[in-house]
Amino acid sequence: MCNGDGIIRLPEFYIEQQIKTGELILLFEDYVFPMVDVYALYPTRKHLASKVRCFLDLIDEMVVKP
């Protein structure tokens, strides 16, 4: 529920619909957020479950690389 009480910092995909409808507006559109490292930890590559491999491949595709 939005009622004009503050400012939030969320990934845009979380609030994409509210931005499209005008319920929320973007502030500081030109601000460049600092890079964040992403790590995936798993026990071993030996006998890696296919669902884990698929998840790692998905993360690799989605993460912006410098």
N, C-alpha and C. Protein backbone atom coordinates (compact mmCIF):
# COMPACT_ATOMS: atom_id res chain seq x y z
N MET A 1 0.84 -1.17 0.00
CA MET A 1 0.00 0.00 0.00
C MET A 1 0.89 1.24 0.00
N CYS A 2 0.68 2.08 -0.94
CA CYS A 2 1.46 3.32 -1.07
C CYS A 2 0.56 4.50 -0.72
N ASN A 3 1.07 5.34 0.17
CA ASN A 3 0.27 6.53 0.49
C ASN A 3 1.13 7.77 0.64
N GLY A 4 2.27 7.78 -0.05
CA GLY A 4 3.10 8.98 -0.09
C GLY A 4 3.88 9.26 1.17
N ASP A 5 4.20 8.23 1.94
CA ASP A 5 4.86 8.45 3.22
C ASP A 5 6.39 8.36 3.20
N GLY A 6 7.01 8.05 2.07
CA GLY A 6 8.46 7.95 2.13
C GLY A 6 9.10 7.59 0.82
N ILE A 7 10.38 7.26 0.94
CA ILE A 7 11.22 6.89 -0.20
C ILE A 7 11.76 5.49 0.07
N ILE A 8 11.78 4.66 -0.96
CA ILE A 8 12.36 3.33 -0.83
C ILE A 8 13.42 3.11 -1.89
N ARG A 9 14.29 2.17 -1.63
CA ARG A 9 15.29 1.76 -2.62
C ARG A 9 15.12 0.26 -2.82
N LEU A 10 14.53 -0.10 -3.96
CA LEU A 10 14.27 -1.49 -4.30
C LEU A 10 14.69 -1.74 -5.73
N PRO A 11 14.98 -2.99 -6.07
CA PRO A 11 15.21 -3.29 -7.48
C PRO A 11 13.97 -2.91 -8.28
N GLU A 12 14.20 -2.36 -9.44
CA GLU A 12 13.09 -1.85 -10.25
C GLU A 12 12.10 -2.95 -10.61
N PHE A 13 12.56 -4.19 -10.77
CA PHE A 13 11.63 -5.25 -11.15
C PHE A 13 10.63 -5.56 -10.05
N TYR A 14 10.93 -5.21 -8.79
CA TYR A 14 9.96 -5.40 -7.70
C TYR A 14 8.77 -4.45 -7.81
N ILE A 15 9.03 -3.26 -8.33
CA ILE A 15 8.01 -2.21 -8.35
C ILE A 15 7.65 -1.76 -9.76
N GLU A 16 7.97 -2.61 -10.73
CA GLU A 16 7.76 -2.29 -12.14
C GLU A 16 6.30 -1.92 -12.44
N GLN A 17 5.37 -2.68 -11.92
CA GLN A 17 3.95 -2.42 -12.18
C GLN A 17 3.51 -1.09 -11.57
N GLN A 18 3.95 -0.80 -10.35
CA GLN A 18 3.57 0.46 -9.70
C GLN A 18 4.16 1.66 -10.43
N ILE A 19 5.34 1.49 -11.02
CA ILE A 19 5.93 2.58 -11.80
C ILE A 19 5.13 2.80 -13.08
N LYS A 20 4.74 1.69 -13.73
CA LYS A 20 3.95 1.80 -14.97
C LYS A 20 2.61 2.48 -14.73
N THR A 21 1.98 2.20 -13.61
CA THR A 21 0.66 2.79 -13.34
C THR A 21 0.77 4.20 -12.77
N GLY A 22 1.97 4.62 -12.39
CA GLY A 22 2.14 5.95 -11.82
C GLY A 22 1.94 5.99 -10.32
N GLU A 23 1.70 4.83 -9.72
CA GLU A 23 1.53 4.78 -8.27
C GLU A 23 2.84 5.17 -7.57
N LEU A 24 3.95 4.81 -8.19
CA LEU A 24 5.27 5.22 -7.69
C LEU A 24 6.01 5.97 -8.79
N ILE A 25 6.87 6.88 -8.38
CA ILE A 25 7.72 7.58 -9.35
C ILE A 25 9.18 7.35 -8.98
N LEU A 26 10.02 7.37 -10.01
CA LEU A 26 11.45 7.19 -9.79
C LEU A 26 12.08 8.52 -9.41
N LEU A 27 12.90 8.48 -8.39
CA LEU A 27 13.70 9.64 -8.00
C LEU A 27 15.16 9.33 -8.34
N PHE A 28 15.92 10.32 -8.61
CA PHE A 28 17.36 10.15 -8.86
C PHE A 28 17.61 9.15 -9.99
N GLU A 29 16.90 9.31 -11.10
CA GLU A 29 17.02 8.37 -12.21
C GLU A 29 18.43 8.28 -12.77
N ASP A 30 19.22 9.33 -12.64
CA ASP A 30 20.58 9.34 -13.18
C ASP A 30 21.61 8.77 -12.22
N TYR A 31 21.20 8.45 -11.00
CA TYR A 31 22.13 7.91 -10.01
C TYR A 31 22.60 6.53 -10.44
N VAL A 32 23.91 6.32 -10.39
CA VAL A 32 24.48 5.02 -10.74
C VAL A 32 24.81 4.30 -9.44
N PHE A 33 24.15 3.17 -9.22
CA PHE A 33 24.37 2.41 -8.00
C PHE A 33 25.72 1.71 -8.05
N PRO A 34 26.39 1.60 -6.91
CA PRO A 34 27.69 0.93 -6.90
C PRO A 34 27.55 -0.55 -7.25
N MET A 35 28.61 -1.09 -7.83
CA MET A 35 28.62 -2.51 -8.19
C MET A 35 28.60 -3.37 -6.92
N VAL A 36 27.95 -4.51 -7.02
CA VAL A 36 27.85 -5.45 -5.91
C VAL A 36 28.34 -6.81 -6.40
N ASP A 37 29.23 -7.42 -5.64
CA ASP A 37 29.71 -8.75 -6.01
C ASP A 37 28.64 -9.79 -5.67
N VAL A 38 28.53 -10.80 -6.53
CA VAL A 38 27.57 -11.89 -6.32
C VAL A 38 28.35 -13.19 -6.29
N TYR A 39 28.10 -14.00 -5.28
CA TYR A 39 28.78 -15.28 -5.13
C TYR A 39 27.76 -16.39 -5.00
N ALA A 40 28.11 -17.56 -5.53
CA ALA A 40 27.28 -18.75 -5.35
C ALA A 40 28.17 -19.82 -4.72
N LEU A 41 27.76 -20.30 -3.58
CA LEU A 41 28.52 -21.34 -2.88
C LEU A 41 27.76 -22.65 -2.94
N TYR A 42 28.48 -23.68 -3.29
CA TYR A 42 27.90 -25.01 -3.34
C TYR A 42 28.99 -26.02 -2.99
N PRO A 43 28.61 -27.20 -2.52
CA PRO A 43 29.59 -28.14 -1.95
C PRO A 43 30.71 -28.55 -2.90
N THR A 44 30.38 -28.95 -4.13
CA THR A 44 31.39 -29.43 -5.06
C THR A 44 30.81 -29.48 -6.46
N ARG A 45 31.68 -29.44 -7.45
CA ARG A 45 31.21 -29.58 -8.83
C ARG A 45 30.94 -31.05 -9.17
N LYS A 46 31.57 -31.91 -8.44
CA LYS A 46 31.37 -33.34 -8.65
C LYS A 46 29.95 -33.69 -8.19
N HIS A 47 29.19 -34.33 -9.03
CA HIS A 47 27.81 -34.71 -8.74
C HIS A 47 26.90 -33.50 -8.50
N LEU A 48 27.15 -32.43 -9.24
CA LEU A 48 26.34 -31.22 -9.11
C LEU A 48 24.94 -31.48 -9.66
N ALA A 49 23.93 -31.20 -8.86
CA ALA A 49 22.54 -31.41 -9.28
C ALA A 49 22.23 -30.53 -10.49
N SER A 50 21.44 -31.05 -11.41
CA SER A 50 21.12 -30.29 -12.62
C SER A 50 20.37 -29.00 -12.30
N LYS A 51 19.53 -29.01 -11.26
CA LYS A 51 18.81 -27.78 -10.90
C LYS A 51 19.76 -26.72 -10.37
N VAL A 52 20.85 -27.13 -9.70
CA VAL A 52 21.85 -26.17 -9.24
C VAL A 52 22.61 -25.61 -10.43
N ARG A 53 22.97 -26.47 -11.38
CA ARG A 53 23.67 -26.02 -12.59
C ARG A 53 22.80 -25.03 -13.36
N CYS A 54 21.52 -25.32 -13.49
CA CYS A 54 20.59 -24.41 -14.19
C CYS A 54 20.50 -23.06 -13.47
N PHE A 55 20.45 -23.11 -12.14
CA PHE A 55 20.39 -21.87 -11.37
C PHE A 55 21.67 -21.05 -11.57
N LEU A 56 22.81 -21.70 -11.52
CA LEU A 56 24.09 -21.00 -11.72
C LEU A 56 24.15 -20.39 -13.12
N ASP A 57 23.67 -21.12 -14.13
CA ASP A 57 23.65 -20.59 -15.49
C ASP A 57 22.73 -19.37 -15.58
N LEU A 58 21.58 -19.43 -14.92
CA LEU A 58 20.64 -18.31 -14.93
C LEU A 58 21.27 -17.07 -14.27
N ILE A 59 21.90 -17.27 -13.13
CA ILE A 59 22.56 -16.15 -12.44
C ILE A 59 23.64 -15.56 -13.33
N ASP A 60 24.40 -16.41 -13.98
CA ASP A 60 25.47 -15.95 -14.86
C ASP A 60 24.92 -15.10 -16.01
N GLU A 61 23.76 -15.47 -16.52
CA GLU A 61 23.13 -14.69 -17.60
C GLU A 61 22.59 -13.35 -17.10
N MET A 62 22.06 -13.32 -15.89
CA MET A 62 21.38 -12.14 -15.39
C MET A 62 22.31 -11.09 -14.80
N VAL A 63 23.44 -11.50 -14.30
CA VAL A 63 24.36 -10.58 -13.63
C VAL A 63 25.07 -9.72 -14.67
N VAL A 64 25.06 -8.43 -14.44
CA VAL A 64 25.75 -7.49 -15.34
C VAL A 64 27.25 -7.61 -15.08
N LYS A 65 27.97 -7.84 -16.14
CA LYS A 65 29.43 -8.00 -16.02
C LYS A 65 30.12 -6.72 -16.47
N PRO A 66 31.19 -6.37 -15.78
CA PRO A 66 31.91 -5.12 -16.14
C PRO A 66 32.53 -5.18 -17.52
